[in-house]
Amino acid sequence: MDEEERPRKLAKLDHDEPTHEELGPAMTGAVAVSDQPQQTEAVAADNSKLESTELPADTEATANDPAVNNTISKNETEDATPKMSKNALKKLRRKEKYEQERELRKVRRREQMAAKKERRRKMCDEALATGGEEAVMALRKQWESTRSRHKRSTQLPFTIVIDCDYDELMHAKERISLASQLTRCYSENSRAIWRSHLMFSSWGGLLKERFDTVLTPYKNWKGIKIIPENFVHAAELAKQTMASPRGGKLAGPFAEKTDAKPEDGEVIYLSSDSPNTLTELRPYDTYIIGGLVDKNRYKAICYQHALDAGVKTAKLPIGDYIQMSSRAVMTTNHVVDIMLAWLELGDWGEAFMKIMPQRKGGKLREGATENPEDAEEDEPEEEDDESTIKRMTEHVQEEQENEDEDKEE
């Protein structure tokens, strides 16, 4: 084949830089080798202009700007974080402030106690100077009578257990209501003239979570047992406690029952559905109250719970003493308050009239009975978390002050 008919060589497809020899002699008008860097910069500038026209300017700036990228990441993180309402944020700040001032409150309490002690010392000195020892004794007697009205009461061998084994049956608002009722049970019992042993059984679930996260002052409660076991186990513990040296003394309403023995105590589950009526409270007995707020959705569930466990049942004699427009299923704290009022007054009628809400329109009557089909659960007074926490905190502080006074004396 002739040389002229031979095919041309295929061009190389690699990107290796050709050497000077391969390029051959420079052509007229070509750029010299020394000018190649300038040409490269110019081409690069043109390419950058071309790329800037292919992509929107704001898109490229956003992709290359670290500050913008950080802002986007921050916004994405904030969007992923759940936002709190203004009220929730205020409550959180108040709670944080309360925790920060805890030590300051302790210092203030000590200062107040020291100032109170100094005032009383001066009053005793003045009484001694004007009236002698008799005036000092009269002054101390006055202080003791005033203090006894506000001091924790006498412990009786008598136990109240609140069965909290209904956590899964309640809605969120009902569980909040029950939690508030439990705090009132503790407060009223510790302030009562004659107080009982108090226990919460089957402690767990969302109810416990609410106390651990919101109603945290309960961790400073004293004189109460809170256990995860059921009410049967709680009754056994109560029996052991009442038989111990710290089980309480037969005083007040039990003063005449000197022959009562711990082994004679019974376990009774209180239920408005029980056919039995409670006539009196007896020493060494353990009374179970169902911790349930359900708007009467679950008929006789506490009664059935007691029967399944083989425990005796009884109901408070409301119908024998009080006439109401509709029968009310008492809230947990009202049942506790009525029992404590009976220990103080010794009369069911007076105890009911003292505790029953006035909006129920109850009045004393003789020989009347109730219609169990007309049951309506009593509506507790609404109380927000802030009010409940404040009430719990004030009560804990009151208990601490009483304890400090006992140590001083």
Protein backbone atom coordinates (compact mmCIF):
# COMPACT_ATOMS: atom_id res chain seq x y z
CA MET A 1 0.00 0.00 0.00
CA ASP A 2 1.29 3.46 -0.91
CA GLU A 3 2.38 5.81 1.82
CA GLU A 4 -0.21 8.40 0.77
CA GLU A 5 -3.06 5.85 1.14
CA ARG A 6 -2.10 4.86 4.66
CA PRO A 7 -4.67 5.94 7.33
CA ARG A 8 -3.75 8.70 9.74
CA LYS A 9 -2.69 7.68 13.20
CA LEU A 10 -5.40 7.85 15.84
CA ALA A 11 -5.05 10.76 18.24
CA LYS A 12 -4.00 9.92 21.78
CA LEU A 13 -6.81 10.10 24.27
CA ASP A 14 -4.72 10.39 27.42
CA HIS A 15 -4.10 13.74 29.12
CA ASP A 16 -0.34 13.59 29.43
CA GLU A 17 1.36 16.87 28.74
CA PRO A 18 3.21 16.72 25.41
CA THR A 19 6.87 17.49 25.51
CA HIS A 20 8.46 20.40 23.67
CA GLU A 21 9.94 18.07 21.10
CA GLU A 22 6.53 16.57 20.31
CA LEU A 23 5.03 19.97 19.73
CA GLY A 24 7.60 20.75 17.13
CA PRO A 25 8.73 24.21 16.16
CA ALA A 26 6.60 27.13 17.21
CA MET A 27 4.21 28.40 14.59
CA THR A 28 3.84 31.98 13.61
CA GLY A 29 1.45 33.77 16.01
CA ALA A 30 1.59 30.97 18.59
CA VAL A 31 2.11 31.78 22.25
CA ALA A 32 5.54 31.18 23.59
CA VAL A 33 6.15 28.56 26.26
CA SER A 34 6.95 31.28 28.80
CA ASP A 35 3.46 32.73 28.27
CA GLN A 36 1.59 29.47 29.05
CA PRO A 37 0.92 30.23 32.73
CA GLN A 38 -0.86 33.43 31.78
CA GLN A 39 -2.93 31.52 29.28
CA THR A 40 -3.79 28.91 31.92
CA GLU A 41 -4.99 31.62 34.34
CA ALA A 42 -7.09 33.22 31.65
CA VAL A 43 -8.69 29.89 30.71
CA ALA A 44 -9.35 29.16 34.38
CA ALA A 45 -11.05 32.54 34.77
CA ASP A 46 -13.19 31.85 31.72
CA ASN A 47 -14.10 28.43 33.05
CA SER A 48 -15.08 29.91 36.41
CA LYS A 49 -17.32 32.42 34.62
CA LEU A 50 -18.87 29.58 32.67
CA GLU A 51 -19.49 27.54 35.82
CA SER A 52 -21.01 30.59 37.54
CA THR A 53 -23.47 30.92 34.69
CA GLU A 54 -24.40 27.26 34.83
CA LEU A 55 -25.23 27.32 38.62
CA PRO A 56 -27.24 30.02 40.41
CA ALA A 57 -25.00 32.31 42.39
CA ASP A 58 -26.94 31.98 45.63
CA THR A 59 -26.87 28.18 45.45
CA GLU A 60 -23.10 28.09 45.01
CA ALA A 61 -22.56 30.63 47.79
CA THR A 62 -24.78 28.66 50.16
CA ALA A 63 -22.96 25.43 49.40
CA ASN A 64 -19.50 26.94 49.92
CA ASP A 65 -20.18 29.30 52.85
CA PRO A 66 -19.35 27.57 56.21
CA ALA A 67 -21.36 30.13 58.20
CA VAL A 68 -24.46 29.41 56.16
CA ASN A 69 -23.93 25.67 56.50
CA ASN A 70 -23.60 26.01 60.29
CA THR A 71 -26.78 28.06 60.41
CA ILE A 72 -28.66 25.43 58.42
CA SER A 73 -27.41 22.66 60.70
CA LYS A 74 -28.41 24.68 63.77
CA ASN A 75 -31.88 25.34 62.39
CA GLU A 76 -32.33 21.67 61.57
CA THR A 77 -31.34 20.78 65.16
CA GLU A 78 -33.73 23.35 66.61
CA ASP A 79 -36.55 22.07 64.43
CA ALA A 80 -35.88 18.53 65.66
CA THR A 81 -36.06 19.69 69.31
CA PRO A 82 -39.65 19.90 70.64
CA LYS A 83 -40.63 23.46 71.50
CA MET A 84 -42.05 24.25 74.96
CA SER A 85 -45.05 26.44 75.57
CA LYS A 86 -44.67 29.69 77.48
CA ASN A 87 -46.39 28.28 80.57
CA ALA A 88 -44.22 25.16 80.54
CA LEU A 89 -41.11 27.31 80.16
CA LYS A 90 -42.16 29.51 83.08
CA LYS A 91 -42.76 26.48 85.27
CA LEU A 92 -39.38 25.04 84.31
CA ARG A 93 -37.65 28.29 85.23
CA ARG A 94 -39.46 28.48 88.56
CA LYS A 95 -38.45 24.91 89.32
CA GLU A 96 -34.82 25.63 88.47
CA LYS A 97 -34.90 28.74 90.65
CA TYR A 98 -36.39 26.73 93.50
CA GLU A 99 -33.62 24.14 93.27
CA GLN A 100 -30.94 26.84 93.14
CA GLU A 101 -32.28 28.50 96.30
CA ARG A 102 -32.56 25.28 98.32
CA GLU A 103 -29.47 25.96 100.44
CA LEU A 104 -30.48 29.59 100.90
CA ARG A 105 -33.83 28.49 102.35
CA LYS A 106 -32.06 26.21 104.82
CA VAL A 107 -29.93 29.14 106.00
CA ARG A 108 -33.01 31.33 106.37
CA ARG A 109 -34.80 28.67 108.41
CA ARG A 110 -31.85 28.40 110.78
CA GLU A 111 -31.75 32.17 111.14
CA GLN A 112 -35.47 32.31 111.83
CA MET A 113 -35.20 29.59 114.45
CA ALA A 114 -32.30 31.37 116.13
CA ALA A 115 -34.23 34.66 116.14
CA LYS A 116 -37.31 32.95 117.56
CA LYS A 117 -35.25 31.34 120.29
CA GLU A 118 -33.69 34.69 121.18
CA ARG A 119 -37.12 36.39 121.35
CA ARG A 120 -38.43 33.75 123.71
CA ARG A 121 -35.37 34.04 125.91
CA LYS A 122 -35.95 37.78 126.27
CA MET A 123 -39.64 37.20 127.05
CA CYS A 124 -38.70 34.71 129.76
CA ASP A 125 -36.23 37.20 131.27
CA GLU A 126 -38.89 39.92 131.33
CA ALA A 127 -41.48 37.55 132.83
CA LEU A 128 -38.99 36.47 135.50
CA ALA A 129 -38.22 40.09 136.37
CA THR A 130 -41.87 41.10 136.67
CA GLY A 131 -43.71 37.98 137.90
CA GLY A 132 -41.10 35.47 139.02
CA GLU A 133 -41.06 31.76 138.24
CA GLU A 134 -44.86 31.52 138.09
CA ALA A 135 -44.97 34.01 135.21
CA VAL A 136 -42.30 32.06 133.34
CA MET A 137 -44.20 28.78 133.79
CA ALA A 138 -47.42 30.39 132.57
CA LEU A 139 -45.63 31.74 129.51
CA ARG A 140 -44.12 28.34 128.67
CA LYS A 141 -47.52 26.68 129.11
CA GLN A 142 -49.02 29.14 126.65
CA TRP A 143 -46.31 28.36 124.11
CA GLU A 144 -46.86 24.63 124.54
CA SER A 145 -50.62 24.87 123.95
CA THR A 146 -50.07 26.97 120.81
CA ARG A 147 -47.40 24.61 119.53
CA SER A 148 -49.54 21.50 120.14
CA ARG A 149 -52.20 22.82 117.77
CA HIS A 150 -49.69 22.94 114.91
CA LYS A 151 -47.46 20.02 115.81
CA ARG A 152 -47.68 16.52 114.35
CA SER A 153 -50.12 14.42 116.28
CA THR A 154 -50.08 11.20 118.25
CA GLN A 155 -49.42 7.99 116.34
CA LEU A 156 -52.10 5.33 116.71
CA PRO A 157 -51.79 1.59 115.94
CA PHE A 158 -53.96 1.99 112.88
CA THR A 159 -53.01 1.77 109.18
CA ILE A 160 -54.37 3.17 105.92
CA VAL A 161 -53.08 1.66 102.67
CA ILE A 162 -53.86 3.27 99.31
CA ASP A 163 -53.87 0.68 96.54
CA CYS A 164 -52.29 2.26 93.42
CA ASP A 165 -52.69 -0.81 91.24
CA TYR A 166 -54.99 0.92 88.73
CA ASP A 167 -52.46 3.01 86.84
CA GLU A 168 -53.23 1.57 83.41
CA LEU A 169 -56.98 2.16 83.76
CA MET A 170 -56.74 5.93 84.08
CA HIS A 171 -56.42 8.68 81.53
CA ALA A 172 -53.70 11.31 81.88
CA LYS A 173 -55.95 13.89 83.57
CA GLU A 174 -57.32 11.27 85.96
CA ARG A 175 -53.82 10.22 86.91
CA ILE A 176 -52.94 13.87 87.59
CA SER A 177 -56.01 14.15 89.80
CA LEU A 178 -55.08 11.02 91.75
CA ALA A 179 -51.54 12.29 92.28
CA SER A 180 -52.93 15.49 93.81
CA GLN A 181 -55.25 13.45 96.04
CA LEU A 182 -52.33 11.35 97.29
CA THR A 183 -50.39 14.46 98.28
CA ARG A 184 -53.43 15.65 100.25
CA CYS A 185 -53.73 12.28 101.98
CA TYR A 186 -50.18 12.58 103.23
CA SER A 187 -50.58 16.20 104.34
CA GLU A 188 -53.86 15.67 106.19
CA ASN A 189 -52.66 12.52 107.94
CA SER A 190 -49.43 14.08 109.15
CA ARG A 191 -51.34 17.12 110.50
CA ALA A 192 -54.17 15.17 112.11
CA ILE A 193 -54.59 15.11 115.88
CA TRP A 194 -54.60 11.31 115.79
CA ARG A 195 -52.68 10.03 112.81
CA SER A 196 -52.49 6.60 111.23
CA HIS A 197 -49.70 4.71 109.57
CA LEU A 198 -49.89 5.52 105.85
CA MET A 199 -48.72 3.36 102.95
CA PHE A 200 -48.92 3.48 99.14
CA SER A 201 -48.84 0.02 97.54
CA SER A 202 -48.31 -1.12 93.90
CA TRP A 203 -46.21 1.98 93.34
CA GLY A 204 -45.07 2.21 89.73
CA GLY A 205 -46.03 3.03 86.17
CA LEU A 206 -46.88 6.52 84.99
CA LEU A 207 -48.08 7.57 88.45
CA LYS A 208 -44.63 6.99 89.91
CA GLU A 209 -43.08 8.70 86.90
CA ARG A 210 -45.19 11.80 87.55
CA PHE A 211 -44.03 11.98 91.17
CA ASP A 212 -40.39 11.41 90.19
CA THR A 213 -40.39 14.11 87.51
CA VAL A 214 -42.97 16.70 88.64
CA LEU A 215 -44.00 16.23 92.27
CA THR A 216 -40.44 15.69 93.48
CA PRO A 217 -40.95 17.11 97.03
CA TYR A 218 -42.53 13.75 97.91
CA LYS A 219 -39.00 12.35 98.21
CA ASN A 220 -38.67 14.32 101.48
CA TRP A 221 -41.83 12.88 103.04
CA LYS A 222 -41.47 11.25 106.44
CA GLY A 223 -43.53 8.65 108.25
CA ILE A 224 -44.84 6.95 105.11
CA LYS A 225 -44.02 3.72 103.29
CA ILE A 226 -44.22 3.56 99.50
CA ILE A 227 -43.70 0.08 98.09
CA PRO A 228 -44.01 -1.58 94.65
CA GLU A 229 -45.68 -4.69 96.12
CA ASN A 230 -49.48 -5.10 96.24
CA PHE A 231 -51.81 -4.25 99.12
CA VAL A 232 -51.69 -7.79 100.55
CA HIS A 233 -47.95 -7.45 101.11
CA ALA A 234 -48.49 -3.92 102.45
CA ALA A 235 -50.97 -5.26 105.01
CA GLU A 236 -48.37 -7.76 106.25
CA LEU A 237 -45.82 -4.98 106.66
CA ALA A 238 -48.41 -2.86 108.46
CA LYS A 239 -49.13 -5.66 110.90
CA GLN A 240 -45.44 -5.94 111.76
CA THR A 241 -45.09 -2.16 112.11
CA MET A 242 -48.10 -1.81 114.43
CA ALA A 243 -46.75 -4.60 116.66
CA SER A 244 -43.35 -2.90 116.98
CA PRO A 245 -42.40 -0.35 119.68
CA ARG A 246 -43.08 2.44 117.17
CA GLY A 247 -46.45 1.05 116.21
CA GLY A 248 -48.34 3.70 118.17
CA LYS A 249 -50.17 3.83 121.46
CA LEU A 250 -53.74 3.17 122.48
CA ALA A 251 -54.77 6.77 123.10
CA GLY A 252 -57.54 9.11 122.10
CA PRO A 253 -60.36 7.08 120.47
CA PHE A 254 -58.55 3.85 121.36
CA ALA A 255 -57.80 4.75 124.98
CA GLU A 256 -60.47 2.41 126.37
CA LYS A 257 -59.49 -0.52 124.14
CA THR A 258 -56.64 -1.63 126.36
CA ASP A 259 -57.35 -5.30 125.66
CA ALA A 260 -56.72 -4.89 121.89
CA LYS A 261 -53.89 -7.02 120.53
CA PRO A 262 -51.93 -6.81 117.24
CA GLU A 263 -52.90 -10.36 116.29
CA ASP A 264 -56.58 -9.39 116.44
CA GLY A 265 -56.23 -6.81 113.68
CA GLU A 266 -58.09 -7.31 110.39
CA VAL A 267 -57.53 -6.22 106.80
CA ILE A 268 -60.57 -4.49 105.26
CA TYR A 269 -60.86 -3.14 101.72
CA LEU A 270 -63.18 -0.12 101.62
CA SER A 271 -65.59 -0.13 98.69
CA SER A 272 -68.97 1.53 98.17
CA ASP A 273 -70.11 -1.69 96.46
CA SER A 274 -69.60 -3.83 99.54
CA PRO A 275 -72.73 -5.22 101.26
CA ASN A 276 -71.06 -4.67 104.64
CA THR A 277 -71.13 -1.35 106.49
CA LEU A 278 -68.29 -0.10 108.67
CA THR A 279 -69.51 0.85 112.14
CA GLU A 280 -66.24 1.87 113.81
CA LEU A 281 -62.48 2.00 113.34
CA ARG A 282 -60.53 -0.39 115.50
CA PRO A 283 -56.89 -0.49 116.62
CA TYR A 284 -54.46 -2.74 114.73
CA ASP A 285 -56.80 -2.86 111.71
CA THR A 286 -55.53 -2.11 108.20
CA TYR A 287 -57.92 -0.34 105.83
CA ILE A 288 -57.31 -0.43 102.07
CA ILE A 289 -58.55 2.38 99.82
CA GLY A 290 -58.56 2.03 96.04
CA GLY A 291 -56.43 4.72 94.39
CA LEU A 292 -58.56 5.13 91.27
CA VAL A 293 -60.11 8.04 89.41
CA ASP A 294 -62.24 6.67 86.58
CA LYS A 295 -65.51 8.69 86.46
CA ASN A 296 -67.29 5.46 87.42
CA ARG A 297 -66.34 3.67 84.16
CA TYR A 298 -65.27 0.48 85.89
CA LYS A 299 -68.14 -0.84 87.98
CA ALA A 300 -67.21 -2.48 91.30
CA ILE A 301 -63.59 -2.97 90.23
CA CYS A 302 -62.13 -2.28 93.70
CA TYR A 303 -64.69 -4.59 95.28
CA GLN A 304 -63.80 -7.36 92.85
CA HIS A 305 -60.10 -6.71 93.42
CA ALA A 306 -60.60 -7.35 97.13
CA LEU A 307 -62.65 -10.50 96.54
CA ASP A 308 -59.97 -11.93 94.25
CA ALA A 309 -57.42 -11.44 97.03
CA GLY A 310 -59.70 -12.98 99.67
CA VAL A 311 -59.88 -9.77 101.72
CA LYS A 312 -62.88 -8.55 103.71
CA THR A 313 -64.77 -5.54 102.38
CA ALA A 314 -66.86 -2.77 103.90
CA LYS A 315 -68.24 0.66 103.02
CA LEU A 316 -68.44 3.85 105.01
CA PRO A 317 -71.88 4.42 106.58
CA ILE A 318 -72.61 7.52 104.52
CA GLY A 319 -76.26 6.64 103.84
CA ASP A 320 -76.93 6.06 107.53
CA TYR A 321 -75.99 9.61 108.46
CA ILE A 322 -76.10 11.89 105.41
CA GLN A 323 -78.89 12.63 102.97
CA MET A 324 -77.68 13.80 99.57
CA SER A 325 -79.29 14.63 96.25
CA SER A 326 -77.12 11.96 94.62
CA ARG A 327 -74.84 9.37 96.12
CA ALA A 328 -71.20 10.42 95.84
CA VAL A 329 -68.32 8.02 95.45
CA MET A 330 -65.75 9.73 97.61
CA THR A 331 -62.34 10.70 96.32
CA THR A 332 -59.36 8.99 97.88
CA ASN A 333 -58.37 11.95 100.05
CA HIS A 334 -61.98 12.48 101.22
CA VAL A 335 -62.15 8.89 102.48
CA VAL A 336 -58.90 9.39 104.40
CA ASP A 337 -60.12 12.73 105.79
CA ILE A 338 -63.40 11.20 106.97
CA MET A 339 -61.59 8.41 108.79
CA LEU A 340 -59.22 10.87 110.45
CA ALA A 341 -62.18 13.07 111.41
CA TRP A 342 -63.88 10.06 113.03
CA LEU A 343 -60.75 9.41 115.09
CA GLU A 344 -60.94 13.02 116.30
CA LEU A 345 -64.71 13.39 116.78
CA GLY A 346 -65.85 9.82 117.43
CA ASP A 347 -69.05 10.37 115.41
CA TRP A 348 -69.66 9.47 111.77
CA GLY A 349 -72.30 12.15 111.22
CA GLU A 350 -70.03 14.96 112.42
CA ALA A 351 -67.12 13.51 110.46
CA PHE A 352 -69.16 13.44 107.23
CA MET A 353 -70.47 16.96 107.68
CA LYS A 354 -66.96 18.24 108.38
CA ILE A 355 -65.38 16.68 105.29
CA MET A 356 -68.10 16.29 102.66
CA PRO A 357 -67.97 19.07 100.04
CA GLN A 358 -70.73 21.64 100.57
CA ARG A 359 -71.58 21.58 96.87
CA LYS A 360 -72.99 18.07 97.41
CA GLY A 361 -75.75 19.53 99.55
CA GLY A 362 -75.53 16.83 102.23
CA LYS A 363 -77.42 17.06 105.51
CA LEU A 364 -77.78 14.82 108.55
CA ARG A 365 -80.60 12.32 108.54
CA GLU A 366 -81.72 9.27 110.49
CA GLY A 367 -82.19 5.75 109.18
CA ALA A 368 -81.83 6.59 105.48
CA THR A 369 -80.23 4.31 102.91
CA GLU A 370 -78.53 4.88 99.59
CA ASN A 371 -79.28 3.78 96.06
CA PRO A 372 -76.04 2.30 94.67
CA GLU A 373 -77.23 2.73 91.08
CA ASP A 374 -77.06 6.53 91.40
CA ALA A 375 -73.34 6.62 92.08
CA GLU A 376 -71.49 9.67 90.87
CA GLU A 377 -67.82 10.15 91.50
CA ASP A 378 -67.11 13.33 93.39
CA GLU A 379 -65.19 15.90 91.40
CA PRO A 380 -62.07 17.08 93.24
CA GLU A 381 -61.13 20.73 93.22
CA GLU A 382 -58.87 21.56 90.31
CA GLU A 383 -55.27 22.33 91.24
CA ASP A 384 -52.40 22.95 88.85
CA ASP A 385 -48.92 21.49 89.26
CA GLU A 386 -47.48 24.74 90.60
CA SER A 387 -50.05 24.93 93.42
CA THR A 388 -49.56 21.27 94.30
CA ILE A 389 -45.78 21.59 94.42
CA LYS A 390 -46.05 24.76 96.52
CA ARG A 391 -48.38 23.05 98.99
CA MET A 392 -46.10 20.01 99.21
CA THR A 393 -43.02 22.18 99.73
CA GLU A 394 -44.64 24.26 102.47
CA HIS A 395 -45.68 21.12 104.29
CA VAL A 396 -42.18 19.64 104.12
CA GLN A 397 -40.78 22.90 105.50
CA GLU A 398 -43.35 22.85 108.30
CA GLU A 399 -42.31 19.31 109.23
CA GLN A 400 -38.65 20.35 109.24
CA GLU A 401 -39.39 23.30 111.55
CA ASN A 402 -41.27 21.04 113.97
CA GLU A 403 -38.36 18.61 113.96
CA ASP A 404 -35.91 21.43 114.68
CA GLU A 405 -38.05 22.58 117.61
CA ASP A 406 -38.08 19.05 119.02
CA LYS A 407 -34.28 18.90 118.85
CA GLU A 408 -33.95 22.24 120.64
CA GLU A 409 -36.19 21.13 123.46
